Amino acid sequence: VVLVGHSYGGVVVSEAGTDPKVERLVYIAAFAPDQGESVQTLIANPPP
């Protein structure tokens, strides 16, 4: 599977993408969080 996420869908893709069937990930203007990150933490300090 190619798993594709837009916006918050990128968070879903980042978590669900560990499924063995998923081979590749695509982010479309999406959040791509690291471990322990969420949309809430990623938008907490927007650029000036």
All heavy atoms as atom14 arrays in JSON, in Angstrom:
{
  "sequence": "VVLVGHSYGGVVVSEAGTDPKVERLVYIAAFAPDQGESVQTLIANPPP",
  "atom14_mask": [
    [1, 1, 1, 1, 1, 1, 1, 0, 0, 0, 0, 0, 0, 0],
    [1, 1, 1, 1, 1, 1, 1, 0, 0, 0, 0, 0, 0, 0],
    [1, 1, 1, 1, 1, 1, 1, 1, 0, 0, 0, 0, 0, 0],
    [1, 1, 1, 1, 1, 1, 1, 0, 0, 0, 0, 0, 0, 0],
    [1, 1, 1, 1, 0, 0, 0, 0, 0, 0, 0, 0, 0, 0],
    [1, 1, 1, 1, 1, 1, 1, 1, 1, 1, 0, 0, 0, 0],
    [1, 1, 1, 1, 1, 1, 0, 0, 0, 0, 0, 0, 0, 0],
    [1, 1, 1, 1, 1, 1, 1, 1, 1, 1, 1, 1, 0, 0],
    [1, 1, 1, 1, 0, 0, 0, 0, 0, 0, 0, 0, 0, 0],
    [1, 1, 1, 1, 0, 0, 0, 0, 0, 0, 0, 0, 0, 0],
    [1, 1, 1, 1, 1, 1, 1, 0, 0, 0, 0, 0, 0, 0],
    [1, 1, 1, 1, 1, 1, 1, 0, 0, 0, 0, 0, 0, 0],
    [1, 1, 1, 1, 1, 1, 1, 0, 0, 0, 0, 0, 0, 0],
    [1, 1, 1, 1, 1, 1, 0, 0, 0, 0, 0, 0, 0, 0],
    [1, 1, 1, 1, 1, 1, 1, 1, 1, 0, 0, 0, 0, 0],
    [1, 1, 1, 1, 1, 0, 0, 0, 0, 0, 0, 0, 0, 0],
    [1, 1, 1, 1, 0, 0, 0, 0, 0, 0, 0, 0, 0, 0],
    [1, 1, 1, 1, 1, 1, 1, 0, 0, 0, 0, 0, 0, 0],
    [1, 1, 1, 1, 1, 1, 1, 1, 0, 0, 0, 0, 0, 0],
    [1, 1, 1, 1, 1, 1, 1, 0, 0, 0, 0, 0, 0, 0],
    [1, 1, 1, 1, 1, 1, 1, 1, 1, 0, 0, 0, 0, 0],
    [1, 1, 1, 1, 1, 1, 1, 0, 0, 0, 0, 0, 0, 0],
    [1, 1, 1, 1, 1, 1, 1, 1, 1, 0, 0, 0, 0, 0],
    [1, 1, 1, 1, 1, 1, 1, 1, 1, 1, 1, 0, 0, 0],
    [1, 1, 1, 1, 1, 1, 1, 1, 0, 0, 0, 0, 0, 0],
    [1, 1, 1, 1, 1, 1, 1, 0, 0, 0, 0, 0, 0, 0],
    [1, 1, 1, 1, 1, 1, 1, 1, 1, 1, 1, 1, 0, 0],
    [1, 1, 1, 1, 1, 1, 1, 1, 0, 0, 0, 0, 0, 0],
    [1, 1, 1, 1, 1, 0, 0, 0, 0, 0, 0, 0, 0, 0],
    [1, 1, 1, 1, 1, 0, 0, 0, 0, 0, 0, 0, 0, 0],
    [1, 1, 1, 1, 1, 1, 1, 1, 1, 1, 1, 0, 0, 0],
    [1, 1, 1, 1, 1, 0, 0, 0, 0, 0, 0, 0, 0, 0],
    [1, 1, 1, 1, 1, 1, 1, 0, 0, 0, 0, 0, 0, 0],
    [1, 1, 1, 1, 1, 1, 1, 1, 0, 0, 0, 0, 0, 0],
    [1, 1, 1, 1, 1, 1, 1, 1, 1, 0, 0, 0, 0, 0],
    [1, 1, 1, 1, 0, 0, 0, 0, 0, 0, 0, 0, 0, 0],
    [1, 1, 1, 1, 1, 1, 1, 1, 1, 0, 0, 0, 0, 0],
    [1, 1, 1, 1, 1, 1, 0, 0, 0, 0, 0, 0, 0, 0],
    [1, 1, 1, 1, 1, 1, 1, 0, 0, 0, 0, 0, 0, 0],
    [1, 1, 1, 1, 1, 1, 1, 1, 1, 0, 0, 0, 0, 0],
    [1, 1, 1, 1, 1, 1, 1, 0, 0, 0, 0, 0, 0, 0],
    [1, 1, 1, 1, 1, 1, 1, 1, 0, 0, 0, 0, 0, 0],
    [1, 1, 1, 1, 1, 1, 1, 1, 0, 0, 0, 0, 0, 0],
    [1, 1, 1, 1, 1, 0, 0, 0, 0, 0, 0, 0, 0, 0],
    [1, 1, 1, 1, 1, 1, 1, 1, 0, 0, 0, 0, 0, 0],
    [1, 1, 1, 1, 1, 1, 1, 0, 0, 0, 0, 0, 0, 0],
    [1, 1, 1, 1, 1, 1, 1, 0, 0, 0, 0, 0, 0, 0],
    [1, 1, 1, 1, 1, 1, 1, 0, 0, 0, 0, 0, 0, 0]
  ],
  "atom14_positions": [
    [[0.82, -1.2, 0.0], [0.0, 0.0, 0.0], [0.86, 1.26, 0.0], [1.89, 1.33, 0.68], [-0.92, 0.01, 1.24], [-1.63, 1.34, 1.41], [-1.93, -1.12, 1.18], [0.0, 0.0, 0.0], [0.0, 0.0, 0.0], [0.0, 0.0, 0.0], [0.0, 0.0, 0.0], [0.0, 0.0, 0.0], [0.0, 0.0, 0.0], [0.0, 0.0, 0.0]],
    [[0.41, 2.26, -0.77], [0.89, 3.64, -0.63], [-0.15, 4.35, 0.21], [-1.31, 4.44, -0.18], [1.06, 4.34, -1.99], [1.47, 5.79, -1.78], [2.08, 3.63, -2.85], [0.0, 0.0, 0.0], [0.0, 0.0, 0.0], [0.0, 0.0, 0.0], [0.0, 0.0, 0.0], [0.0, 0.0, 0.0], [0.0, 0.0, 0.0], [0.0, 0.0, 0.0]],
    [[0.26, 4.86, 1.36], [-0.66, 5.51, 2.29], [-0.46, 7.02, 2.21], [0.65, 7.52, 2.4], [-0.4, 5.01, 3.71], [-1.37, 5.45, 4.81], [-2.8, 5.04, 4.49], [-0.94, 4.85, 6.15], [0.0, 0.0, 0.0], [0.0, 0.0, 0.0], [0.0, 0.0, 0.0], [0.0, 0.0, 0.0], [0.0, 0.0, 0.0], [0.0, 0.0, 0.0]],
    [[-1.56, 7.74, 1.92], [-1.49, 9.18, 1.64], [-2.33, 9.95, 2.64], [-3.49, 9.59, 2.9], [-2.02, 9.47, 0.21], [-1.87, 10.95, -0.12], [-1.32, 8.59, -0.82], [0.0, 0.0, 0.0], [0.0, 0.0, 0.0], [0.0, 0.0, 0.0], [0.0, 0.0, 0.0], [0.0, 0.0, 0.0], [0.0, 0.0, 0.0], [0.0, 0.0, 0.0]],
    [[-1.76, 11.02, 3.21], [-2.51, 11.84, 4.15], [-2.44, 13.31, 3.81], [-1.38, 13.82, 3.42], [0.0, 0.0, 0.0], [0.0, 0.0, 0.0], [0.0, 0.0, 0.0], [0.0, 0.0, 0.0], [0.0, 0.0, 0.0], [0.0, 0.0, 0.0], [0.0, 0.0, 0.0], [0.0, 0.0, 0.0], [0.0, 0.0, 0.0], [0.0, 0.0, 0.0]],
    [[-3.57, 14.0, 3.96], [-3.61, 15.45, 3.81], [-3.84, 16.08, 5.16], [-4.68, 15.62, 5.95], [-4.74, 15.87, 2.86], [-5.01, 17.35, 2.87], [-6.1, 17.91, 3.5], [-4.3, 18.39, 2.35], [-6.06, 19.23, 3.36], [-4.98, 19.55, 2.66], [0.0, 0.0, 0.0], [0.0, 0.0, 0.0], [0.0, 0.0, 0.0], [0.0, 0.0, 0.0]],
    [[-3.11, 17.15, 5.48], [-3.3, 17.93, 6.69], [-3.22, 17.04, 7.94], [-2.23, 16.35, 8.14], [-4.63, 18.68, 6.6], [-4.74, 19.64, 7.62], [0.0, 0.0, 0.0], [0.0, 0.0, 0.0], [0.0, 0.0, 0.0], [0.0, 0.0, 0.0], [0.0, 0.0, 0.0], [0.0, 0.0, 0.0], [0.0, 0.0, 0.0], [0.0, 0.0, 0.0]],
    [[-4.25, 17.05, 8.78], [-4.28, 16.16, 9.96], [-4.16, 14.7, 9.56], [-3.66, 13.86, 10.33], [-5.56, 16.41, 10.75], [-5.96, 15.29, 11.67], [-5.24, 15.02, 12.84], [-7.05, 14.47, 11.36], [-5.61, 13.97, 13.67], [-7.42, 13.43, 12.19], [-6.69, 13.17, 13.35], [-7.05, 12.13, 14.17], [0.0, 0.0, 0.0], [0.0, 0.0, 0.0]],
    [[-4.57, 14.38, 8.33], [-4.41, 13.01, 7.83], [-2.97, 12.54, 7.87], [-2.7, 11.34, 7.93], [0.0, 0.0, 0.0], [0.0, 0.0, 0.0], [0.0, 0.0, 0.0], [0.0, 0.0, 0.0], [0.0, 0.0, 0.0], [0.0, 0.0, 0.0], [0.0, 0.0, 0.0], [0.0, 0.0, 0.0], [0.0, 0.0, 0.0], [0.0, 0.0, 0.0]],
    [[-2.03, 13.48, 7.84], [-0.63, 13.11, 7.96], [-0.29, 12.52, 9.31], [0.6, 11.67, 9.44], [0.0, 0.0, 0.0], [0.0, 0.0, 0.0], [0.0, 0.0, 0.0], [0.0, 0.0, 0.0], [0.0, 0.0, 0.0], [0.0, 0.0, 0.0], [0.0, 0.0, 0.0], [0.0, 0.0, 0.0], [0.0, 0.0, 0.0], [0.0, 0.0, 0.0]],
    [[-0.98, 12.98, 10.35], [-0.8, 12.41, 11.68], [-1.3, 10.97, 11.69], [-0.64, 10.06, 12.2], [-1.54, 13.24, 12.75], [-1.28, 12.68, 14.15], [-1.14, 14.7, 12.68], [0.0, 0.0, 0.0], [0.0, 0.0, 0.0], [0.0, 0.0, 0.0], [0.0, 0.0, 0.0], [0.0, 0.0, 0.0], [0.0, 0.0, 0.0], [0.0, 0.0, 0.0]],
    [[-2.47, 10.77, 11.1], [-3.05, 9.43, 11.01], [-2.12, 8.49, 10.23], [-1.86, 7.35, 10.64], [-4.44, 9.49, 10.35], [-5.06, 8.1, 10.26], [-5.35, 10.43, 11.12], [0.0, 0.0, 0.0], [0.0, 0.0, 0.0], [0.0, 0.0, 0.0], [0.0, 0.0, 0.0], [0.0, 0.0, 0.0], [0.0, 0.0, 0.0], [0.0, 0.0, 0.0]],
    [[-1.61, 8.98, 9.12], [-0.7, 8.21, 8.27], [0.59, 7.86, 9.03], [1.1, 6.75, 8.92], [-0.39, 9.01, 6.99], [0.86, 8.49, 6.3], [-1.58, 9.0, 6.05], [0.0, 0.0, 0.0], [0.0, 0.0, 0.0], [0.0, 0.0, 0.0], [0.0, 0.0, 0.0], [0.0, 0.0, 0.0], [0.0, 0.0, 0.0], [0.0, 0.0, 0.0]],
    [[1.09, 8.81, 9.79], [2.33, 8.58, 10.53], [2.16, 7.46, 11.56], [3.09, 6.7, 11.83], [2.79, 9.86, 11.23], [3.1, 10.86, 10.29], [0.0, 0.0, 0.0], [0.0, 0.0, 0.0], [0.0, 0.0, 0.0], [0.0, 0.0, 0.0], [0.0, 0.0, 0.0], [0.0, 0.0, 0.0], [0.0, 0.0, 0.0], [0.0, 0.0, 0.0]],
    [[0.97, 7.37, 12.16], [0.7, 6.36, 13.17], [0.27, 5.03, 12.54], [0.78, 3.97, 12.92], [-0.39, 6.85, 14.13], [-0.69, 5.92, 15.29], [0.34, 5.97, 16.41], [1.33, 6.73, 16.29], [0.17, 5.25, 17.39], [0.0, 0.0, 0.0], [0.0, 0.0, 0.0], [0.0, 0.0, 0.0], [0.0, 0.0, 0.0], [0.0, 0.0, 0.0]],
    [[-0.64, 5.08, 11.57], [-1.14, 3.85, 10.95], [-0.16, 3.25, 9.95], [-0.25, 2.07, 9.62], [-2.48, 4.13, 10.25], [0.0, 0.0, 0.0], [0.0, 0.0, 0.0], [0.0, 0.0, 0.0], [0.0, 0.0, 0.0], [0.0, 0.0, 0.0], [0.0, 0.0, 0.0], [0.0, 0.0, 0.0], [0.0, 0.0, 0.0], [0.0, 0.0, 0.0]],
    [[0.79, 4.05, 9.5], [1.71, 3.61, 8.46], [2.71, 2.56, 8.88], [3.44, 2.03, 8.05], [0.0, 0.0, 0.0], [0.0, 0.0, 0.0], [0.0, 0.0, 0.0], [0.0, 0.0, 0.0], [0.0, 0.0, 0.0], [0.0, 0.0, 0.0], [0.0, 0.0, 0.0], [0.0, 0.0, 0.0], [0.0, 0.0, 0.0], [0.0, 0.0, 0.0]],
    [[2.75, 2.24, 10.16], [3.63, 1.15, 10.61], [3.06, -0.22, 10.24], [3.74, -1.23, 10.4], [3.85, 1.21, 12.13], [2.57, 1.19, 12.79], [4.6, 2.47, 12.52], [0.0, 0.0, 0.0], [0.0, 0.0, 0.0], [0.0, 0.0, 0.0], [0.0, 0.0, 0.0], [0.0, 0.0, 0.0], [0.0, 0.0, 0.0], [0.0, 0.0, 0.0]],
    [[1.84, -0.25, 9.76], [1.23, -1.52, 9.31], [2.14, -2.18, 8.27], [2.65, -1.51, 7.37], [-0.14, -1.23, 8.69], [-0.9, -2.49, 8.35], [-0.5, -3.18, 7.39], [-1.88, -2.79, 9.04], [0.0, 0.0, 0.0], [0.0, 0.0, 0.0], [0.0, 0.0, 0.0], [0.0, 0.0, 0.0], [0.0, 0.0, 0.0], [0.0, 0.0, 0.0]],
    [[2.37, -3.49, 8.38], [3.3, -4.17, 7.46], [2.94, -4.03, 5.98], [3.82, -4.11, 5.12], [3.2, -5.64, 7.9], [2.73, -5.6, 9.31], [1.84, -4.4, 9.41], [0.0, 0.0, 0.0], [0.0, 0.0, 0.0], [0.0, 0.0, 0.0], [0.0, 0.0, 0.0], [0.0, 0.0, 0.0], [0.0, 0.0, 0.0], [0.0, 0.0, 0.0]],
    [[1.65, -3.83, 5.66], [1.28, -3.7, 4.25], [1.68, -2.36, 3.66], [1.77, -2.22, 2.44], [-0.25, -3.86, 4.1], [-0.72, -5.31, 4.09], [-2.19, -5.37, 3.7], [-2.66, -6.8, 3.54], [-4.09, -6.88, 3.16], [0.0, 0.0, 0.0], [0.0, 0.0, 0.0], [0.0, 0.0, 0.0], [0.0, 0.0, 0.0], [0.0, 0.0, 0.0]],
    [[1.91, -1.37, 4.5], [2.26, -0.03, 4.01], [3.74, 0.01, 3.64], [4.6, -0.22, 4.49], [1.94, 1.05, 5.05], [2.38, 2.42, 4.55], [0.45, 1.06, 5.38], [0.0, 0.0, 0.0], [0.0, 0.0, 0.0], [0.0, 0.0, 0.0], [0.0, 0.0, 0.0], [0.0, 0.0, 0.0], [0.0, 0.0, 0.0], [0.0, 0.0, 0.0]],
    [[4.01, 0.31, 2.37], [5.41, 0.37, 1.91], [5.91, 1.79, 1.75], [7.1, 2.05, 1.93], [5.56, -0.38, 0.58], [5.5, -1.89, 0.74], [6.15, -2.62, -0.43], [6.61, -1.94, -1.39], [6.2, -3.85, -0.38], [0.0, 0.0, 0.0], [0.0, 0.0, 0.0], [0.0, 0.0, 0.0], [0.0, 0.0, 0.0], [0.0, 0.0, 0.0]],
    [[5.0, 2.71, 1.42], [5.41, 4.09, 1.15], [4.37, 5.06, 1.69], [3.18, 4.74, 1.75], [5.61, 4.31, -0.36], [6.76, 3.46, -0.91], [6.67, 3.19, -2.39], [7.49, 2.04, -2.74], [7.43, 1.39, -3.9], [6.58, 1.78, -4.82], [8.19, 0.36, -4.11], [0.0, 0.0, 0.0], [0.0, 0.0, 0.0], [0.0, 0.0, 0.0]],
    [[4.85, 6.24, 2.05], [3.99, 7.27, 2.63], [4.03, 8.52, 1.77], [5.09, 8.88, 1.24], [4.47, 7.63, 4.04], [4.68, 6.48, 5.03], [5.47, 6.98, 6.25], [3.35, 5.89, 5.46], [0.0, 0.0, 0.0], [0.0, 0.0, 0.0], [0.0, 0.0, 0.0], [0.0, 0.0, 0.0], [0.0, 0.0, 0.0], [0.0, 0.0, 0.0]],
    [[2.89, 9.19, 1.67], [2.83, 10.46, 0.95], [2.1, 11.48, 1.82], [1.0, 11.2, 2.32], [2.1, 10.33, -0.41], [2.12, 11.68, -1.14], [2.76, 9.26, -1.28], [0.0, 0.0, 0.0], [0.0, 0.0, 0.0], [0.0, 0.0, 0.0], [0.0, 0.0, 0.0], [0.0, 0.0, 0.0], [0.0, 0.0, 0.0], [0.0, 0.0, 0.0]],
    [[2.72, 12.64, 1.99], [2.14, 13.73, 2.77], [1.78, 14.87, 1.83], [2.64, 15.36, 1.09], [3.13, 14.22, 3.82], [3.45, 13.2, 4.89], [4.48, 12.27, 4.71], [2.74, 13.17, 6.08], [4.78, 11.33, 5.69], [3.03, 12.25, 7.08], [4.05, 11.33, 6.87], [4.33, 10.4, 7.85], [0.0, 0.0, 0.0], [0.0, 0.0, 0.0]],
    [[0.51, 15.29, 1.86], [0.05, 16.38, 1.02], [-0.29, 17.56, 1.93], [-1.31, 17.56, 2.61], [-1.2, 15.97, 0.19], [-0.93, 14.69, -0.62], [-1.62, 17.13, -0.7], [0.18, 14.82, -1.65], [0.0, 0.0, 0.0], [0.0, 0.0, 0.0], [0.0, 0.0, 0.0], [0.0, 0.0, 0.0], [0.0, 0.0, 0.0], [0.0, 0.0, 0.0]],
    [[0.61, 18.58, 1.95], [0.42, 19.74, 2.85], [-0.03, 19.25, 4.22], [-1.03, 19.7, 4.77], [-0.6, 20.71, 2.25], [0.0, 0.0, 0.0], [0.0, 0.0, 0.0], [0.0, 0.0, 0.0], [0.0, 0.0, 0.0], [0.0, 0.0, 0.0], [0.0, 0.0, 0.0], [0.0, 0.0, 0.0], [0.0, 0.0, 0.0], [0.0, 0.0, 0.0]],
    [[0.73, 18.3, 4.76], [0.29, 17.56, 5.94], [1.24, 17.69, 7.12], [2.42, 18.0, 6.97], [0.13, 16.09, 5.58], [0.0, 0.0, 0.0], [0.0, 0.0, 0.0], [0.0, 0.0, 0.0], [0.0, 0.0, 0.0], [0.0, 0.0, 0.0], [0.0, 0.0, 0.0], [0.0, 0.0, 0.0], [0.0, 0.0, 0.0], [0.0, 0.0, 0.0]],
    [[0.69, 17.41, 8.29], [1.52, 17.28, 9.48], [2.24, 15.93, 9.43], [1.63, 14.91, 9.08], [0.66, 17.34, 10.75], [0.04, 18.68, 11.0], [-1.3, 18.91, 10.7], [0.78, 19.72, 11.53], [-1.88, 20.15, 10.92], [0.22, 20.97, 11.76], [-1.13, 21.19, 11.46], [0.0, 0.0, 0.0], [0.0, 0.0, 0.0], [0.0, 0.0, 0.0]],
    [[3.52, 15.94, 9.77], [4.31, 14.71, 9.84], [4.99, 14.69, 11.21], [6.17, 15.04, 11.34], [5.33, 14.66, 8.72], [0.0, 0.0, 0.0], [0.0, 0.0, 0.0], [0.0, 0.0, 0.0], [0.0, 0.0, 0.0], [0.0, 0.0, 0.0], [0.0, 0.0, 0.0], [0.0, 0.0, 0.0], [0.0, 0.0, 0.0], [0.0, 0.0, 0.0]],
    [[4.26, 14.33, 12.26], [4.78, 14.44, 13.62], [5.87, 13.42, 13.93], [5.9, 12.32, 13.4], [3.54, 14.18, 14.5], [2.39, 14.16, 13.56], [2.91, 13.8, 12.22], [0.0, 0.0, 0.0], [0.0, 0.0, 0.0], [0.0, 0.0, 0.0], [0.0, 0.0, 0.0], [0.0, 0.0, 0.0], [0.0, 0.0, 0.0], [0.0, 0.0, 0.0]],
    [[6.73, 13.81, 14.84], [7.71, 12.89, 15.41], [7.06, 12.23, 16.62], [5.93, 12.55, 17.0], [8.97, 13.65, 15.82], [10.2, 12.75, 15.9], [10.03, 11.5, 15.96], [11.32, 13.28, 15.93], [0.0, 0.0, 0.0], [0.0, 0.0, 0.0], [0.0, 0.0, 0.0], [0.0, 0.0, 0.0], [0.0, 0.0, 0.0], [0.0, 0.0, 0.0]],
    [[7.78, 11.32, 17.23], [7.25, 10.62, 18.4], [6.84, 11.61, 19.51], [7.6, 12.52, 19.84], [8.3, 9.65, 18.96], [7.82, 8.81, 20.13], [8.87, 7.81, 20.57], [10.01, 7.83, 20.1], [8.5, 6.91, 21.47], [0.0, 0.0, 0.0], [0.0, 0.0, 0.0], [0.0, 0.0, 0.0], [0.0, 0.0, 0.0], [0.0, 0.0, 0.0]],
    [[5.63, 11.44, 20.01], [5.13, 12.3, 21.08], [4.54, 13.61, 20.62], [3.98, 14.36, 21.43], [0.0, 0.0, 0.0], [0.0, 0.0, 0.0], [0.0, 0.0, 0.0], [0.0, 0.0, 0.0], [0.0, 0.0, 0.0], [0.0, 0.0, 0.0], [0.0, 0.0, 0.0], [0.0, 0.0, 0.0], [0.0, 0.0, 0.0], [0.0, 0.0, 0.0]],
    [[4.6, 13.91, 19.31], [4.04, 15.16, 18.79], [2.61, 14.95, 18.31], [2.2, 13.85, 17.93], [4.89, 15.69, 17.64], [6.26, 16.19, 18.05], [7.07, 16.75, 16.9], [6.74, 16.44, 15.73], [8.04, 17.49, 17.16], [0.0, 0.0, 0.0], [0.0, 0.0, 0.0], [0.0, 0.0, 0.0], [0.0, 0.0, 0.0], [0.0, 0.0, 0.0]],
    [[1.86, 16.03, 18.32], [0.48, 16.05, 17.84], [0.28, 17.34, 17.05], [1.16, 18.21, 17.01], [-0.49, 16.02, 19.02], [-0.34, 17.2, 19.8], [0.0, 0.0, 0.0], [0.0, 0.0, 0.0], [0.0, 0.0, 0.0], [0.0, 0.0, 0.0], [0.0, 0.0, 0.0], [0.0, 0.0, 0.0], [0.0, 0.0, 0.0], [0.0, 0.0, 0.0]],
    [[-0.89, 17.49, 16.44], [-1.2, 18.76, 15.8], [-1.11, 19.89, 16.82], [-0.58, 20.97, 16.56], [-2.6, 18.73, 15.15], [-2.99, 20.13, 14.66], [-2.65, 17.74, 14.01], [0.0, 0.0, 0.0], [0.0, 0.0, 0.0], [0.0, 0.0, 0.0], [0.0, 0.0, 0.0], [0.0, 0.0, 0.0], [0.0, 0.0, 0.0], [0.0, 0.0, 0.0]],
    [[-1.62, 19.63, 18.0], [-1.63, 20.65, 19.05], [-0.22, 21.14, 19.39], [0.0, 22.34, 19.51], [-2.3, 20.09, 20.3], [-2.65, 21.13, 21.34], [-3.61, 20.59, 22.39], [-3.76, 19.38, 22.54], [-4.29, 21.48, 23.09], [0.0, 0.0, 0.0], [0.0, 0.0, 0.0], [0.0, 0.0, 0.0], [0.0, 0.0, 0.0], [0.0, 0.0, 0.0]],
    [[0.72, 20.23, 19.51], [2.08, 20.65, 19.84], [2.76, 21.31, 18.64], [3.54, 22.25, 18.8], [2.93, 19.47, 20.32], [3.05, 18.48, 19.27], [2.32, 18.81, 21.54], [0.0, 0.0, 0.0], [0.0, 0.0, 0.0], [0.0, 0.0, 0.0], [0.0, 0.0, 0.0], [0.0, 0.0, 0.0], [0.0, 0.0, 0.0], [0.0, 0.0, 0.0]],
    [[2.44, 20.85, 17.43], [3.1, 21.39, 16.24], [2.63, 22.8, 15.9], [3.36, 23.56, 15.27], [2.87, 20.45, 15.05], [3.66, 19.13, 15.08], [3.15, 18.18, 14.01], [5.15, 19.4, 14.89], [0.0, 0.0, 0.0], [0.0, 0.0, 0.0], [0.0, 0.0, 0.0], [0.0, 0.0, 0.0], [0.0, 0.0, 0.0], [0.0, 0.0, 0.0]],
    [[1.41, 23.16, 16.31], [0.91, 24.51, 16.0], [1.04, 25.46, 17.19], [0.62, 26.62, 17.11], [-0.56, 24.47, 15.53], [-1.49, 24.03, 16.67], [-0.72, 23.58, 14.31], [-2.97, 24.11, 16.31], [0.0, 0.0, 0.0], [0.0, 0.0, 0.0], [0.0, 0.0, 0.0], [0.0, 0.0, 0.0], [0.0, 0.0, 0.0], [0.0, 0.0, 0.0]],
    [[1.63, 24.98, 18.27], [1.69, 25.78, 19.51], [2.52, 27.05, 19.35], [2.21, 28.09, 19.95], [2.24, 24.94, 20.65], [0.0, 0.0, 0.0], [0.0, 0.0, 0.0], [0.0, 0.0, 0.0], [0.0, 0.0, 0.0], [0.0, 0.0, 0.0], [0.0, 0.0, 0.0], [0.0, 0.0, 0.0], [0.0, 0.0, 0.0], [0.0, 0.0, 0.0]],
    [[3.57, 26.98, 18.54], [4.46, 28.14, 18.37], [4.64, 28.47, 16.89], [5.66, 28.12, 16.3], [5.83, 27.86, 19.02], [5.72, 27.65, 20.51], [5.31, 28.54, 21.25], [6.08, 26.45, 20.97], [0.0, 0.0, 0.0], [0.0, 0.0, 0.0], [0.0, 0.0, 0.0], [0.0, 0.0, 0.0], [0.0, 0.0, 0.0], [0.0, 0.0, 0.0]],
    [[3.65, 29.11, 16.29], [3.74, 29.42, 14.86], [4.86, 30.42, 14.56], [5.23, 31.22, 15.42], [2.38, 30.02, 14.53], [1.9, 30.58, 15.84], [2.43, 29.65, 16.89], [0.0, 0.0, 0.0], [0.0, 0.0, 0.0], [0.0, 0.0, 0.0], [0.0, 0.0, 0.0], [0.0, 0.0, 0.0], [0.0, 0.0, 0.0], [0.0, 0.0, 0.0]],
    [[5.43, 30.36, 13.35], [6.47, 31.32, 12.98], [5.92, 32.75, 13.03], [4.72, 32.96, 12.79], [6.82, 30.93, 11.53], [6.32, 29.54, 11.37], [5.14, 29.4, 12.28], [0.0, 0.0, 0.0], [0.0, 0.0, 0.0], [0.0, 0.0, 0.0], [0.0, 0.0, 0.0], [0.0, 0.0, 0.0], [0.0, 0.0, 0.0], [0.0, 0.0, 0.0]],
    [[6.76, 33.73, 13.32], [6.3, 35.12, 13.36], [5.67, 35.53, 12.03], [6.2, 35.25, 10.96], [7.6, 35.91, 13.61], [8.51, 34.92, 14.28], [8.18, 33.59, 13.68], [0.0, 0.0, 0.0], [0.0, 0.0, 0.0], [0.0, 0.0, 0.0], [0.0, 0.0, 0.0], [0.0, 0.0, 0.0], [0.0, 0.0, 0.0], [0.0, 0.0, 0.0]]
  ]
}
